[in-house]
């Protein structure tokens, strides 16, 4: 429900706005009493866990709340727009001044239409004459830094990378010349270097075009890069609001401090283990479930109406006992993190996984397959029992291809893969199937890897049935035991995957992978789609399970902070090659491979944290496979770098690096050559 705007600079004003979903038990509130202003040219971030109401609020602004959801109270006031009450009218009115970019850009792009056709449709609705639409589309693509506009316009969404699709989605959003751009988790699925480029692009476009930006995110690092103001949401309510630097530097609400503590940081150990979960929607009160009984608010909150942020203050929190400031840190934010105990391995541990000189090439370019891409080139690594080895690198570096080869889902062109001394590249199908019982996987989208029509208890039993292990009642008991071990309650066992949250699905996927007691667990980006609290919970769970069961863990992630928090040895890859191997627990190096440094410098971080502001972004480019894959972007590159791939050398500090200029890096002393 919209009203005429006031005469100030507000584009949007929400006053006690609420959204609910009718059910057989009454209306379940999704948003409750939200009061918020978005001004012209402002950059505002909505932050909170999954289910906190961030996306519901963003969609409500533009009139896209999914049925049967509806506004149940309060009002939305839009700048210079007349009053309208119907859902269809609200959508049309809001669309004149605001537009939206979704988390997964391909969801908003038609897979059977070229980018040019889709952009022409948008420009036609804006009234651009047919003869000018192609040039206007090209200009929009160039504005989002896609220089090869003719190729992009001819392409279909599946022919573009995730980062390119996100830029196209932003270009389409800009076509309407909206005054407010709503970006709902626009970088969550992207690796850190592409993420950094999209964040920089959003900031540059906002300065060029002067639109206001509403960023929906669960990542405080992303928020610190882009926003001027932060609104923190919890259980459908606004709990803290203020300037970004103040909210992130001195959080006043205990929930905000808990989220900040849940963020993994380079070299800081495992984040604080979150306590409890947000209350179920529709509860009569808002006692934060993570508060200990000793907290002053624990007894007061259940009996009192929820306080609202003080609109007269620039930084306010909806809490009866806001955190007191202590110097530059708040009391809760100063909590110590837990250091992960790195397993003490034998001096010469038996190798659980041995990969040697692995090569894999994929044919591309149509049915004839005349071209090919080198996905893996001479990759070697080891995993010992009880060890965590992390694989880091941007999208397309070969991480997932390596995992698929180890799982036997892809067959390498050359090299060997030994598991407990057995080379799986030399096994037949029956022998390979037996070996697969020792190696299990957890994928990024856990829900997509499960049968949507099966109950969770049946999904977890499936590996036991496939390998003919135990009687029916024994399989059921084993599955229930493992589901309980990963922290899922009994009432979830009979639900389908679609009825679980993303974090719960990842826990169920872990239970399914571990029900066979594997020797090696491979996790491919298991945290990237989770909010900070769910991510921290899963990191602790994975660490605890690994310590209890002693399996080796190959953990794939584009987030170096996650890998270092888990105390893993880190293998850094680019262009299908291994460029560096960092030893476990040693993150205080003052020297890294130039590519590793580029990854570190691309991590969105809080002010004064690990991100080095002002360093250039290194765009991924095609490279000569005979040389270093980072040669086109390296400040230290010499002619030799583009001609010969450097050998892997072991440094005196105990880590390995493939760089012709390694002797020129600070404090680096070469110790010996490793033969991988």
Foldseek 3Di string as FASTA:
>chain_A
DEAEDDPDQFQKWWAQKWKWAQDPVGTFTQAGGDTDTFGFLAEEEEAEFPSLNLVVVVCVLLLNRDPPMDIDDTYMYGYPDHDDDDSVVSNVRSLLAEDEQEQQLVVVFDQVAALLVVQLVLLVVVPDDPVCSLVLLLVLLVLLVNNVSVVRRRHGPVVDDRLSSSSSSVSSRCSSLHQEYEYENNPLVFFLLSSLSVLVSVQVVCVVSRHYYYYYDLDLLSCQSHHQKYFYGALNYTFKIAGSQCCLQENFALNSLQSNQLDFAFLQAFGDAQADGFDDTPDPWGDGRRDDCPDPCNVPGVPDHFAHFDPVDRITGRGPGTFDDDPRYTPSNPDGGDHFDFDDAPPDADWQKWWFQFWAKAFDDDDVSPDIATLAGGDTDTWGFLAEEEEADGPSQNQVVVVCCQLVVDATPDTFMDGSHRTLNPDDPVVSVVLNLQEFEQEQQLLVVFDQPAFLLVRLLVVCVVVVHDDPVVSSVLLVVLLVLLPDDPVRRGHGSVVDDRLSSSSSSVSSRPSSLHQEYEYANNQSVGRSNSSSNVLVSVSVVCVVSRHTYYYYDNDSSSCLNSQHFYFYGGSNYTFKTHHGSDRPDPWDDQVVVLSQLSRRDHPPGSHDPPDDRFDQDDADVQAASCQVRDPPHDPVRRHHFAAWFAWPVGMIGTDPCQVVTPPTHTDGGDDD
